[in-house]
Amino acid sequence: MKLYTTDFITGKEIETLQMVRGSVVFSKNVVRDVFAGLKTLVGGEIAGYTEMLNDARNIAIERMENQAGMIGADAIVNVRFATASVMAGSAEIIVYGTAVKFKK
Protein backbone atom coordinates (compact mmCIF):
# COMPACT_ATOMS: atom_id res chain seq x y z
CA MET A 1 0.00 0.00 0.00
CA LYS A 2 1.41 3.36 -1.02
CA LEU A 3 1.09 6.25 1.44
CA TYR A 4 1.12 9.92 0.41
CA THR A 5 1.11 13.10 2.49
CA THR A 6 -0.44 15.04 -0.40
CA ASP A 7 -4.11 14.99 -1.38
CA PHE A 8 -3.28 13.89 -4.92
CA ILE A 9 -1.07 11.39 -6.71
CA THR A 10 0.72 12.80 -9.72
CA GLY A 11 -0.34 11.04 -12.91
CA LYS A 12 -3.26 9.20 -11.27
CA GLU A 13 -6.97 9.85 -11.20
CA ILE A 14 -8.32 8.78 -7.81
CA GLU A 15 -11.69 8.00 -6.30
CA THR A 16 -12.10 8.77 -2.60
CA LEU A 17 -13.32 5.83 -0.51
CA GLN A 18 -13.26 6.89 3.15
CA MET A 19 -11.07 7.96 6.04
CA VAL A 20 -8.92 5.19 7.51
CA ARG A 21 -6.89 5.16 10.69
CA GLY A 22 -4.67 3.08 12.89
CA SER A 23 -3.68 3.66 16.48
CA VAL A 24 -1.76 2.09 19.31
CA VAL A 25 -1.21 3.00 22.95
CA PHE A 26 2.26 2.31 24.29
CA SER A 27 3.41 2.56 27.88
CA LYS A 28 6.87 3.13 29.23
CA ASN A 29 8.94 0.24 30.50
CA VAL A 30 10.24 0.58 34.09
CA VAL A 31 13.78 -0.46 33.11
CA ARG A 32 13.70 1.88 30.11
CA ASP A 33 12.48 4.65 32.43
CA VAL A 34 15.45 4.26 34.76
CA PHE A 35 17.94 4.52 31.89
CA ALA A 36 16.01 7.44 30.39
CA GLY A 37 16.20 9.24 33.73
CA LEU A 38 19.94 8.73 33.83
CA LYS A 39 20.27 9.92 30.24
CA THR A 40 18.53 13.20 31.08
CA LEU A 41 21.41 13.99 33.44
CA VAL A 42 23.95 14.03 30.60
CA GLY A 43 21.67 14.95 27.69
CA GLY A 44 21.32 13.43 24.24
CA GLU A 45 18.91 11.11 22.49
CA ILE A 46 17.03 8.59 24.60
CA ALA A 47 17.40 5.68 22.19
CA GLY A 48 15.02 3.39 24.08
CA TYR A 49 12.16 5.85 23.69
CA THR A 50 13.04 6.57 20.08
CA GLU A 51 12.86 2.84 19.33
CA MET A 52 9.58 2.48 21.24
CA LEU A 53 7.95 5.35 19.32
CA ASN A 54 9.21 4.04 15.96
CA ASP A 55 7.70 0.64 16.79
CA ALA A 56 4.42 2.30 17.78
CA ARG A 57 4.28 4.33 14.54
CA ASN A 58 4.91 1.18 12.48
CA ILE A 59 2.11 -0.70 14.26
CA ALA A 60 -0.30 2.22 13.73
CA ILE A 61 0.62 2.40 10.01
CA GLU A 62 0.09 -1.35 9.61
CA ARG A 63 -3.35 -1.11 11.22
CA MET A 64 -4.33 1.79 8.94
CA GLU A 65 -3.10 -0.10 5.86
CA ASN A 66 -5.08 -3.19 6.92
CA GLN A 67 -8.25 -1.10 7.26
CA ALA A 68 -7.67 0.41 3.82
CA GLY A 69 -7.01 -3.02 2.31
CA MET A 70 -10.29 -4.35 3.69
CA ILE A 71 -12.22 -1.75 1.64
CA GLY A 72 -10.19 -2.34 -1.54
CA ALA A 73 -8.05 0.80 -1.46
CA ASP A 74 -5.05 1.16 -3.75
CA ALA A 75 -3.39 3.93 -1.73
CA ILE A 76 -3.86 6.35 1.17
CA VAL A 77 -3.52 10.11 0.68
CA ASN A 78 -3.35 12.99 3.18
CA VAL A 79 -1.54 10.78 5.71
CA ARG A 80 -1.06 12.50 9.07
CA PHE A 81 0.25 11.48 12.49
CA ALA A 82 -0.86 12.65 15.91
CA THR A 83 0.08 11.77 19.47
CA ALA A 84 -1.74 12.14 22.74
CA SER A 85 -0.96 11.40 26.34
CA VAL A 86 -3.52 8.87 27.56
CA MET A 87 -2.33 8.66 31.16
CA ALA A 88 0.91 9.11 33.05
CA GLY A 89 3.58 7.02 31.34
CA SER A 90 1.65 6.14 28.18
CA ALA A 91 0.93 7.71 24.83
CA GLU A 92 -1.29 7.05 21.84
CA ILE A 93 0.11 7.23 18.33
CA ILE A 94 -2.56 7.65 15.67
CA VAL A 95 -2.12 7.80 11.92
CA TYR A 96 -4.98 8.67 9.59
CA GLY A 97 -5.62 9.43 5.96
CA THR A 98 -8.03 9.04 3.06
CA ALA A 99 -8.25 5.67 1.35
CA VAL A 100 -8.45 5.98 -2.43
CA LYS A 101 -8.91 3.75 -5.45
CA PHE A 102 -7.21 4.38 -8.78
CA LYS A 103 -9.61 5.12 -11.63
CA LYS A 104 -9.04 2.96 -14.68
PDB file of N, CA and C in Angstrom:
ATOM      1  N   MET A   1       0.851  -1.173   0.000  1.00  0.00           N
ATOM      2  CA  MET A   1       0.000   0.000   0.000  1.00  0.00           C
ATOM      3  C   MET A   1       0.896   1.235   0.000  1.00  0.00           C
ATOM      4  N   LYS A   2       0.648   2.120  -0.948  1.00  0.00           N
ATOM      5  CA  LYS A   2       1.409   3.364  -1.023  1.00  0.00           C
ATOM      6  C   LYS A   2       0.743   4.414  -0.137  1.00  0.00           C
ATOM      7  N   LEU A   3       1.570   5.182   0.575  1.00  0.00           N
ATOM      8  CA  LEU A   3       1.092   6.254   1.444  1.00  0.00           C
ATOM      9  C   LEU A   3       1.612   7.585   0.917  1.00  0.00           C
ATOM     10  N   TYR A   4       0.754   8.601   0.901  1.00  0.00           N
ATOM     11  CA  TYR A   4       1.120   9.924   0.408  1.00  0.00           C
ATOM     12  C   TYR A   4       0.676  10.987   1.411  1.00  0.00           C
ATOM     13  N   THR A   5       1.495  11.998   1.606  1.00  0.00           N
ATOM     14  CA  THR A   5       1.107  13.099   2.488  1.00  0.00           C
ATOM     15  C   THR A   5       0.327  14.166   1.728  1.00  0.00           C
ATOM     16  N   THR A   6       0.310  14.090   0.418  1.00  0.00           N
ATOM     17  CA  THR A   6      -0.438  15.041  -0.403  1.00  0.00           C
ATOM     18  C   THR A   6      -1.863  14.532  -0.612  1.00  0.00           C
ATOM     19  N   ASP A   7      -2.737  15.402  -1.127  1.00  0.00           N
ATOM     20  CA  ASP A   7      -4.112  14.986  -1.385  1.00  0.00           C
ATOM     21  C   ASP A   7      -4.317  14.540  -2.828  1.00  0.00           C
ATOM     22  N   PHE A   8      -3.219  14.347  -3.532  1.00  0.00           N
ATOM     23  CA  PHE A   8      -3.276  13.893  -4.925  1.00  0.00           C
ATOM     24  C   PHE A   8      -2.092  12.964  -5.173  1.00  0.00           C
ATOM     25  N   ILE A   9      -2.173  12.246  -6.275  1.00  0.00           N
ATOM     26  CA  ILE A   9      -1.073  11.390  -6.714  1.00  0.00           C
ATOM     27  C   ILE A   9      -0.797  11.777  -8.155  1.00  0.00           C
ATOM     28  N   THR A  10       0.367  12.332  -8.384  1.00  0.00           N
ATOM     29  CA  THR A  10       0.724  12.804  -9.718  1.00  0.00           C
ATOM     30  C   THR A  10       0.560  11.684 -10.743  1.00  0.00           C
ATOM     31  N   GLY A  11      -0.155  11.997 -11.821  1.00  0.00           N
ATOM     32  CA  GLY A  11      -0.339  11.042 -12.908  1.00  0.00           C
ATOM     33  C   GLY A  11      -1.443  10.032 -12.674  1.00  0.00           C
ATOM     34  N   LYS A  12      -2.180  10.155 -11.572  1.00  0.00           N
ATOM     35  CA  LYS A  12      -3.258   9.197 -11.270  1.00  0.00           C
ATOM     36  C   LYS A  12      -4.559   9.942 -11.020  1.00  0.00           C
ATOM     37  N   GLU A  13      -5.638   9.379 -11.557  1.00  0.00           N
ATOM     38  CA  GLU A  13      -6.966   9.846 -11.197  1.00  0.00           C
ATOM     39  C   GLU A  13      -7.428   8.953 -10.069  1.00  0.00           C
ATOM     40  N   ILE A  14      -7.936   9.579  -8.983  1.00  0.00           N
ATOM     41  CA  ILE A  14      -8.322   8.783  -7.815  1.00  0.00           C
ATOM     42  C   ILE A  14      -9.779   8.998  -7.440  1.00  0.00           C
ATOM     43  N   GLU A  15     -10.333   7.968  -6.836  1.00  0.00           N
ATOM     44  CA  GLU A  15     -11.692   8.004  -6.302  1.00  0.00           C
ATOM     45  C   GLU A  15     -11.570   7.866  -4.786  1.00  0.00           C
ATOM     46  N   THR A  16     -12.159   8.799  -4.058  1.00  0.00           N
ATOM     47  CA  THR A  16     -12.105   8.770  -2.597  1.00  0.00           C
ATOM     48  C   THR A  16     -13.025   7.681  -2.060  1.00  0.00           C
ATOM     49  N   LEU A  17     -12.503   6.868  -1.143  1.00  0.00           N
ATOM     50  CA  LEU A  17     -13.315   5.832  -0.511  1.00  0.00           C
ATOM     51  C   LEU A  17     -13.802   6.299   0.868  1.00  0.00           C
ATOM     52  N   GLN A  18     -12.892   6.422   1.813  1.00  0.00           N
ATOM     53  CA  GLN A  18     -13.257   6.887   3.152  1.00  0.00           C
ATOM     54  C   GLN A  18     -11.999   7.131   3.973  1.00  0.00           C
ATOM     55  N   MET A  19     -12.180   7.768   5.124  1.00  0.00           N
ATOM     56  CA  MET A  19     -11.065   7.964   6.039  1.00  0.00           C
ATOM     57  C   MET A  19     -10.704   6.617   6.673  1.00  0.00           C
ATOM     58  N   VAL A  20      -9.400   6.389   6.827  1.00  0.00           N
ATOM     59  CA  VAL A  20      -8.922   5.194   7.512  1.00  0.00           C
ATOM     60  C   VAL A  20      -7.943   5.639   8.592  1.00  0.00           C
ATOM     61  N   ARG A  21      -7.787   4.800   9.602  1.00  0.00           N
ATOM     62  CA  ARG A  21      -6.888   5.161  10.691  1.00  0.00           C
ATOM     63  C   ARG A  21      -6.314   3.913  11.341  1.00  0.00           C
ATOM     64  N   GLY A  22      -5.259   4.137  12.081  1.00  0.00           N
ATOM     65  CA  GLY A  22      -4.667   3.083  12.891  1.00  0.00           C
ATOM     66  C   GLY A  22      -4.093   3.734  14.130  1.00  0.00           C
ATOM     67  N   SER A  23      -4.225   3.071  15.257  1.00  0.00           N
ATOM     68  CA  SER A  23      -3.681   3.659  16.478  1.00  0.00           C
ATOM     69  C   SER A  23      -3.150   2.563  17.391  1.00  0.00           C
ATOM     70  N   VAL A  24      -2.309   2.993  18.306  1.00  0.00           N
ATOM     71  CA  VAL A  24      -1.757   2.092  19.310  1.00  0.00           C
ATOM     72  C   VAL A  24      -1.419   2.933  20.535  1.00  0.00           C
ATOM     73  N   VAL A  25      -1.599   2.344  21.702  1.00  0.00           N
ATOM     74  CA  VAL A  25      -1.210   2.999  22.951  1.00  0.00           C
ATOM     75  C   VAL A  25      -0.032   2.219  23.512  1.00  0.00           C
ATOM     76  N   PHE A  26       1.059   2.921  23.745  1.00  0.00           N
ATOM     77  CA  PHE A  26       2.265   2.311  24.291  1.00  0.00           C
ATOM     78  C   PHE A  26       2.530   2.891  25.669  1.00  0.00           C
ATOM     79  N   SER A  27       3.024   2.059  26.564  1.00  0.00           N
ATOM     80  CA  SER A  27       3.414   2.562  27.880  1.00  0.00           C
ATOM     81  C   SER A  27       4.912   2.391  28.065  1.00  0.00           C
ATOM     82  N   LYS A  28       5.439   3.192  28.953  1.00  0.00           N
ATOM     83  CA  LYS A  28       6.871   3.134  29.232  1.00  0.00           C
ATOM     84  C   LYS A  28       7.206   1.865  30.003  1.00  0.00           C
ATOM     85  N   ASN A  29       8.406   1.406  29.818  1.00  0.00           N
ATOM     86  CA  ASN A  29       8.942   0.245  30.500  1.00  0.00           C
ATOM     87  C   ASN A  29       9.741   0.743  31.704  1.00  0.00           C
ATOM     88  N   VAL A  30       9.566   0.128  32.868  1.00  0.00           N
ATOM     89  CA  VAL A  30      10.244   0.582  34.087  1.00  0.00           C
ATOM     90  C   VAL A  30      11.753   0.622  33.909  1.00  0.00           C
ATOM     91  N   VAL A  31      12.333  -0.413  33.320  1.00  0.00           N
ATOM     92  CA  VAL A  31      13.782  -0.455  33.107  1.00  0.00           C
ATOM     93  C   VAL A  31      14.193   0.662  32.153  1.00  0.00           C
ATOM     94  N   ARG A  32      13.422   0.828  31.081  1.00  0.00           N
ATOM     95  CA  ARG A  32      13.704   1.883  30.107  1.00  0.00           C
ATOM     96  C   ARG A  32      13.620   3.254  30.777  1.00  0.00           C
ATOM     97  N   ASP A  33      12.657   3.402  31.693  1.00  0.00           N
ATOM     98  CA  ASP A  33      12.479   4.652  32.427  1.00  0.00           C
ATOM     99  C   ASP A  33      13.697   5.011  33.269  1.00  0.00           C
ATOM    100  N   VAL A  34      14.267   4.021  33.920  1.00  0.00           N
ATOM    101  CA  VAL A  34      15.451   4.261  34.759  1.00  0.00           C
ATOM    102  C   VAL A  34      16.604   4.767  33.898  1.00  0.00           C
ATOM    103  N   PHE A  35      16.863   4.093  32.789  1.00  0.00           N
ATOM    104  CA  PHE A  35      17.940   4.518  31.893  1.00  0.00           C
ATOM    105  C   PHE A  35      17.650   5.877  31.261  1.00  0.00           C
ATOM    106  N   ALA A  36      16.383   6.138  30.956  1.00  0.00           N
ATOM    107  CA  ALA A  36      16.014   7.441  30.390  1.00  0.00           C
ATOM    108  C   ALA A  36      16.267   8.543  31.412  1.00  0.00           C
ATOM    109  N   GLY A  37      15.947   8.269  32.673  1.00  0.00           N
ATOM    110  CA  GLY A  37      16.197   9.240  33.728  1.00  0.00           C
ATOM    111  C   GLY A  37      17.674   9.553  33.866  1.00  0.00           C
ATOM    112  N   LEU A  38      18.498   8.523  33.771  1.00  0.00           N
ATOM    113  CA  LEU A  38      19.944   8.733  33.832  1.00  0.00           C
ATOM    114  C   LEU A  38      20.430   9.521  32.621  1.00  0.00           C
ATOM    115  N   LYS A  39      19.859   9.240  31.465  1.00  0.00           N
ATOM    116  CA  LYS A  39      20.267   9.921  30.237  1.00  0.00           C
ATOM    117  C   LYS A  39      19.953  11.412  30.308  1.00  0.00           C
ATOM    118  N   THR A  40      18.877  11.786  30.991  1.00  0.00           N
ATOM    119  CA  THR A  40      18.534  13.201  31.078  1.00  0.00           C
ATOM    120  C   THR A  40      19.570  13.990  31.873  1.00  0.00           C
ATOM    121  N   LEU A  41      20.353  13.310  32.681  1.00  0.00           N
ATOM    122  CA  LEU A  41      21.406  13.988  33.442  1.00  0.00           C
ATOM    123  C   LEU A  41      22.543  14.463  32.543  1.00  0.00           C
ATOM    124  N   VAL A  42      22.830  13.687  31.490  1.00  0.00           N
ATOM    125  CA  VAL A  42      23.950  14.027  30.603  1.00  0.00           C
ATOM    126  C   VAL A  42      23.486  14.583  29.258  1.00  0.00           C
ATOM    127  N   GLY A  43      22.206  14.443  28.949  1.00  0.00           N
ATOM    128  CA  GLY A  43      21.672  14.950  27.691  1.00  0.00           C
ATOM    129  C   GLY A  43      21.846  13.977  26.544  1.00  0.00           C
ATOM    130  N   GLY A  44      21.219  14.264  25.436  1.00  0.00           N
ATOM    131  CA  GLY A  44      21.320  13.428  24.244  1.00  0.00           C
ATOM    132  C   GLY A  44      20.046  12.647  23.975  1.00  0.00           C
ATOM    133  N   GLU A  45      20.075  11.902  22.904  1.00  0.00           N
ATOM    134  CA  GLU A  45      18.913  11.109  22.491  1.00  0.00           C
ATOM    135  C   GLU A  45      18.673   9.975  23.470  1.00  0.00           C
ATOM    136  N   ILE A  46      17.418   9.732  23.765  1.00  0.00           N
ATOM    137  CA  ILE A  46      17.034   8.593  24.598  1.00  0.00           C
ATOM    138  C   ILE A  46      16.616   7.488  23.637  1.00  0.00           C
ATOM    139  N   ALA A  47      17.582   6.670  23.260  1.00  0.00           N
ATOM    140  CA  ALA A  47      17.404   5.681  22.190  1.00  0.00           C
ATOM    141  C   ALA A  47      16.266   4.704  22.484  1.00  0.00           C
ATOM    142  N   GLY A  48      16.092   4.324  23.730  1.00  0.00           N
ATOM    143  CA  GLY A  48      15.018   3.387  24.077  1.00  0.00           C
ATOM    144  C   GLY A  48      13.652   3.936  23.741  1.00  0.00           C
ATOM    145  N   TYR A  49      13.437   5.234  24.009  1.00  0.00           N
ATOM    146  CA  TYR A  49      12.158   5.851  23.687  1.00  0.00           C
ATOM    147  C   TYR A  49      12.008   6.062  22.189  1.00  0.00           C
ATOM    148  N   THR A  50      13.091   6.410  21.527  1.00  0.00           N
ATOM    149  CA  THR A  50      13.043   6.568  20.076  1.00  0.00           C
ATOM    150  C   THR A  50      12.611   5.259  19.425  1.00  0.00           C
ATOM    151  N   GLU A  51      13.207   4.165  19.859  1.00  0.00           N
ATOM    152  CA  GLU A  51      12.859   2.838  19.328  1.00  0.00           C
ATOM    153  C   GLU A  51      11.399   2.497  19.634  1.00  0.00           C
ATOM    154  N   MET A  52      10.957   2.778  20.853  1.00  0.00           N
ATOM    155  CA  MET A  52       9.581   2.483  21.244  1.00  0.00           C
ATOM    156  C   MET A  52       8.593   3.250  20.366  1.00  0.00           C
ATOM    157  N   LEU A  53       8.857   4.547  20.133  1.00  0.00           N
ATOM    158  CA  LEU A  53       7.948   5.351  19.321  1.00  0.00           C
ATOM    159  C   LEU A  53       7.976   4.944  17.852  1.00  0.00           C
ATOM    160  N   ASN A  54       9.142   4.555  17.343  1.00  0.00           N
ATOM    161  CA  ASN A  54       9.208   4.041  15.963  1.00  0.00           C
ATOM    162  C   ASN A  54       8.388   2.767  15.825  1.00  0.00           C
ATOM    163  N   ASP A  55       8.502   1.868  16.808  1.00  0.00           N
ATOM    164  CA  ASP A  55       7.698   0.636  16.789  1.00  0.00           C
ATOM    165  C   ASP A  55       6.211   0.969  16.817  1.00  0.00           C
ATOM    166  N   ALA A  56       5.829   1.914  17.671  1.00  0.00           N
ATOM    167  CA  ALA A  56       4.417   2.303  17.784  1.00  0.00           C
ATOM    168  C   ALA A  56       3.910   2.881  16.465  1.00  0.00           C
ATOM    169  N   ARG A  57       4.696   3.753  15.834  1.00  0.00           N
ATOM    170  CA  ARG A  57       4.284   4.326  14.540  1.00  0.00           C
ATOM    171  C   ARG A  57       4.093   3.225  13.496  1.00  0.00           C
ATOM    172  N   ASN A  58       5.016   2.270  13.464  1.00  0.00           N
ATOM    173  CA  ASN A  58       4.913   1.181  12.483  1.00  0.00           C
ATOM    174  C   ASN A  58       3.666   0.331  12.711  1.00  0.00           C
ATOM    175  N   ILE A  59       3.320   0.069  13.962  1.00  0.00           N
ATOM    176  CA  ILE A  59       2.108  -0.699  14.263  1.00  0.00           C
ATOM    177  C   ILE A  59       0.878   0.084  13.826  1.00  0.00           C
ATOM    178  N   ALA A  60       0.837   1.383  14.116  1.00  0.00           N
ATOM    179  CA  ALA A  60      -0.304   2.218  13.726  1.00  0.00           C
ATOM    180  C   ALA A  60      -0.461   2.250  12.210  1.00  0.00           C
ATOM    181  N   ILE A  61       0.661   2.396  11.488  1.00  0.00           N
ATOM    182  CA  ILE A  61       0.615   2.396  10.015  1.00  0.00           C
ATOM    183  C   ILE A  61       0.072   1.074   9.503  1.00  0.00           C
ATOM    184  N   GLU A  62       0.555  -0.022  10.050  1.00  0.00           N
ATOM    185  CA  GLU A  62       0.093  -1.350   9.612  1.00  0.00           C
ATOM    186  C   GLU A  62      -1.411  -1.503   9.825  1.00  0.00           C
ATOM    187  N   ARG A  63      -1.913  -1.024  10.946  1.00  0.00           N
ATOM    188  CA  ARG A  63      -3.354  -1.113  11.221  1.00  0.00           C
ATOM    189  C   ARG A  63      -4.156  -0.260  10.246  1.00  0.00           C
ATOM    190  N   MET A  64      -3.648   0.926   9.909  1.00  0.00           N
ATOM    191  CA  MET A  64      -4.329   1.788   8.944  1.00  0.00           C
ATOM    192  C   MET A  64      -4.340   1.118   7.561  1.00  0.00           C
ATOM    193  N   GLU A  65      -3.179   0.574   7.161  1.00  0.00           N
ATOM    194  CA  GLU A  65      -3.097  -0.102   5.859  1.00  0.00           C
ATOM    195  C   GLU A  65      -4.046  -1.300   5.802  1.00  0.00           C
ATOM    196  N   ASN A  66      -4.164  -2.045   6.892  1.00  0.00           N
ATOM    197  CA  ASN A  66      -5.084  -3.188   6.924  1.00  0.00           C
ATOM    198  C   ASN A  66      -6.527  -2.731   6.744  1.00  0.00           C
ATOM    199  N   GLN A  67      -6.897  -1.637   7.407  1.00  0.00           N
ATOM    200  CA  GLN A  67      -8.253  -1.103   7.264  1.00  0.00           C
ATOM    201  C   GLN A  67      -8.505  -0.678   5.820  1.00  0.00           C
ATOM    202  N   ALA A  68      -7.529  -0.018   5.214  1.00  0.00           N
ATOM    203  CA  ALA A  68      -7.666   0.412   3.818  1.00  0.00           C
ATOM    204  C   ALA A  68      -7.763  -0.794   2.881  1.00  0.00           C
ATOM    205  N   GLY A  69      -6.974  -1.812   3.139  1.00  0.00           N
ATOM    206  CA  GLY A  69      -7.005  -3.015   2.314  1.00  0.00           C
ATOM    207  C   GLY A  69      -8.351  -3.719   2.367  1.00  0.00           C
ATOM    208  N   MET A  70      -8.994  -3.677   3.534  1.00  0.00           N
ATOM    209  CA  MET A  70     -10.295  -4.347   3.689  1.00  0.00           C
ATOM    210  C   MET A  70     -11.390  -3.690   2.854  1.00  0.00           C
ATOM    211  N   ILE A  71     -11.197  -2.418   2.477  1.00  0.00           N
ATOM    212  CA  ILE A  71     -12.216  -1.753   1.644  1.00  0.00           C
ATOM    213  C   ILE A  71     -11.758  -1.625   0.186  1.00  0.00           C
ATOM    214  N   GLY A  72     -10.649  -2.297  -0.155  1.00  0.00           N
ATOM    215  CA  GLY A  72     -10.192  -2.338  -1.538  1.00  0.00           C
ATOM    216  C   GLY A  72      -9.408  -1.130  -1.999  1.00  0.00           C
ATOM    217  N   ALA A  73      -8.807  -0.395  -1.084  1.00  0.00           N
ATOM    218  CA  ALA A  73      -8.045   0.801  -1.462  1.00  0.00           C
ATOM    219  C   ALA A  73      -6.749   0.429  -2.174  1.00  0.00           C
ATOM    220  N   ASP A  74      -6.327   1.306  -3.063  1.00  0.00           N
ATOM    221  CA  ASP A  74      -5.049   1.159  -3.749  1.00  0.00           C
ATOM    222  C   ASP A  74      -3.949   1.969  -3.060  1.00  0.00           C
ATOM    223  N   ALA A  75      -4.357   3.035  -2.375  1.00  0.00           N
ATOM    224  CA  ALA A  75      -3.391   3.926  -1.729  1.00  0.00           C
ATOM    225  C   ALA A  75      -4.111   4.718  -0.638  1.00  0.00           C
ATOM    226  N   ILE A  76      -3.313   5.454   0.148  1.00  0.00           N
ATOM    227  CA  ILE A  76      -3.857   6.346   1.174  1.00  0.00           C
ATOM    228  C   ILE A  76      -3.204   7.706   0.981  1.00  0.00           C
ATOM    229  N   VAL A  77      -4.027   8.739   0.860  1.00  0.00           N
ATOM    230  CA  VAL A  77      -3.524  10.109   0.685  1.00  0.00           C
ATOM    231  C   VAL A  77      -3.804  10.916   1.956  1.00  0.00           C
ATOM    232  N   ASN A  78      -3.183  12.102   2.025  1.00  0.00           N
ATOM    233  CA  ASN A  78      -3.351  12.986   3.182  1.00  0.00           C
ATOM    234  C   ASN A  78      -2.977  12.305   4.499  1.00  0.00           C
ATOM    235  N   VAL A  79      -1.935  11.518   4.496  1.00  0.00           N
ATOM    236  CA  VAL A  79      -1.535  10.784   5.705  1.00  0.00           C
ATOM    237  C   VAL A  79      -0.976  11.759   6.733  1.00  0.00           C
ATOM    238  N   ARG A  80      -1.488  11.642   7.960  1.00  0.00           N
ATOM    239  CA  ARG A  80      -1.065  12.495   9.071  1.00  0.00           C
ATOM    240  C   ARG A  80      -0.883  11.644  10.334  1.00  0.00           C
ATOM    241  N   PHE A  81       0.012  12.123  11.194  1.00  0.00           N
ATOM    242  CA  PHE A  81       0.253  11.478  12.489  1.00  0.00           C
ATOM    243  C   PHE A  81      -0.142  12.430  13.606  1.00  0.00           C
ATOM    244  N   ALA A  82      -0.583  11.864  14.713  1.00  0.00           N
ATOM    245  CA  ALA A  82      -0.860  12.653  15.913  1.00  0.00           C
ATOM    246  C   ALA A  82      -0.501  11.799  17.120  1.00  0.00           C
ATOM    247  N   THR A  83      -0.206  12.471  18.211  1.00  0.00           N
ATOM    248  CA  THR A  83       0.077  11.768  19.466  1.00  0.00           C
ATOM    249  C   THR A  83      -0.747  12.408  20.569  1.00  0.00           C
ATOM    250  N   ALA A  84      -1.020  11.622  21.585  1.00  0.00           N
ATOM    251  CA  ALA A  84      -1.743  12.137  22.742  1.00  0.00           C
ATOM    252  C   ALA A  84      -1.298  11.358  23.974  1.00  0.00           C
ATOM    253  N   SER A  85      -1.251  12.056  25.073  1.00  0.00           N
ATOM    254  CA  SER A  85      -0.959  11.399  26.342  1.00  0.00           C
ATOM    255  C   SER A  85      -2.265  10.826  26.863  1.00  0.00           C
ATOM    256  N   VAL A  86      -2.299   9.527  27.105  1.00  0.00           N
ATOM    257  CA  VAL A  86      -3.519   8.866  27.557  1.00  0.00           C
ATOM    258  C   VAL A  86      -3.593   8.892  29.084  1.00  0.00           C
ATOM    259  N   MET A  87      -2.473   8.596  29.709  1.00  0.00           N
ATOM    260  CA  MET A  87      -2.333   8.658  31.160  1.00  0.00           C
ATOM    261  C   MET A  87      -0.849   8.770  31.460  1.00  0.00           C
ATOM    262  N   ALA A  88      -0.503   8.969  32.696  1.00  0.00           N
ATOM    263  CA  ALA A  88       0.914   9.110  33.046  1.00  0.00           C
ATOM    264  C   ALA A  88       1.683   7.885  32.569  1.00  0.00           C
ATOM    265  N   GLY A  89       2.730   8.113  31.787  1.00  0.00           N
ATOM    266  CA  GLY A  89       3.576   7.015  31.340  1.00  0.00           C
ATOM    267  C   GLY A  89       3.123   6.302  30.094  1.00  0.00           C
ATOM    268  N   SER A  90       2.070   6.792  29.425  1.00  0.00           N
ATOM    269  CA  SER A  90       1.646   6.136  28.184  1.00  0.00           C
ATOM    270  C   SER A  90       1.213   7.181  27.166  1.00  0.00           C
ATOM    271  N   ALA A  91       1.294   6.792  25.906  1.00  0.00           N
ATOM    272  CA  ALA A  91       0.935   7.706  24.826  1.00  0.00           C
ATOM    273  C   ALA A  91       0.255   6.935  23.700  1.00  0.00           C
ATOM    274  N   GLU A  92      -0.652   7.621  23.021  1.00  0.00           N
ATOM    275  CA  GLU A  92      -1.292   7.052  21.843  1.00  0.00           C
ATOM    276  C   GLU A  92      -0.641   7.658  20.613  1.00  0.00           C
ATOM    277  N   ILE A  93      -0.344   6.800  19.653  1.00  0.00           N
ATOM    278  CA  ILE A  93       0.107   7.227  18.332  1.00  0.00           C
ATOM    279  C   ILE A  93      -1.045   6.899  17.393  1.00  0.00           C
ATOM    280  N   ILE A  94      -1.498   7.893  16.648  1.00  0.00           N
ATOM    281  CA  ILE A  94      -2.564   7.651  15.674  1.00  0.00           C
ATOM    282  C   ILE A  94      -2.100   8.163  14.319  1.00  0.00           C
ATOM    283  N   VAL A  95      -2.400   7.398  13.298  1.00  0.00           N
ATOM    284  CA  VAL A  95      -2.124   7.800  11.923  1.00  0.00           C
ATOM    285  C   VAL A  95      -3.453   7.704  11.171  1.00  0.00           C
ATOM    286  N   TYR A  96      -3.716   8.676  10.317  1.00  0.00           N
ATOM    287  CA  TYR A  96      -4.978   8.672   9.585  1.00  0.00           C
ATOM    288  C   TYR A  96      -4.770   9.265   8.201  1.00  0.00           C
ATOM    289  N   GLY A  97      -5.680   8.928   7.315  1.00  0.00           N
ATOM    290  CA  GLY A  97      -5.617   9.431   5.959  1.00  0.00           C
ATOM    291  C   GLY A  97      -6.878   9.058   5.205  1.00  0.00           C
ATOM    292  N   THR A  98      -6.873   9.334   3.912  1.00  0.00           N
ATOM    293  CA  THR A  98      -8.031   9.044   3.060  1.00  0.00           C
ATOM    294  C   THR A  98      -7.689   7.894   2.126  1.00  0.00           C
ATOM    295  N   ALA A  99      -8.438   6.823   2.233  1.00  0.00           N
ATOM    296  CA  ALA A  99      -8.252   5.672   1.352  1.00  0.00           C
ATOM    297  C   ALA A  99      -8.804   6.022  -0.028  1.00  0.00           C
ATOM    298  N   VAL A 100      -8.044   5.673  -1.063  1.00  0.00           N
ATOM    299  CA  VAL A 100      -8.454   5.980  -2.429  1.00  0.00           C
ATOM    300  C   VAL A 100      -8.277   4.761  -3.337  1.00  0.00           C
ATOM    301  N   LYS A 101      -9.008   4.775  -4.418  1.00  0.00           N
ATOM    302  CA  LYS A 101      -8.911   3.746  -5.447  1.00  0.00           C
ATOM    303  C   LYS A 101      -8.498   4.439  -6.737  1.00  0.00           C
ATOM    304  N   PHE A 102      -7.622   3.818  -7.504  1.00  0.00           N
ATOM    305  CA  PHE A 102      -7.210   4.380  -8.785  1.00  0.00           C
ATOM    306  C   PHE A 102      -8.314   4.174  -9.802  1.00  0.00           C
ATOM    307  N   LYS A 103      -8.633   5.242 -10.555  1.00  0.00           N
ATOM    308  CA  LYS A 103      -9.608   5.124 -11.633  1.00  0.00           C
ATOM    309  C   LYS A 103      -8.919   4.486 -12.829  1.00  0.00           C
ATOM    310  N   LYS A 104      -9.618   3.663 -13.535  1.00  0.00           N
ATOM    311  CA  LYS A 104      -9.045   2.956 -14.685  1.00  0.00           C
ATOM    312  C   LYS A 104      -8.991   3.840 -15.896  1.00  0.00           C
TER     313      LYS A 104
END
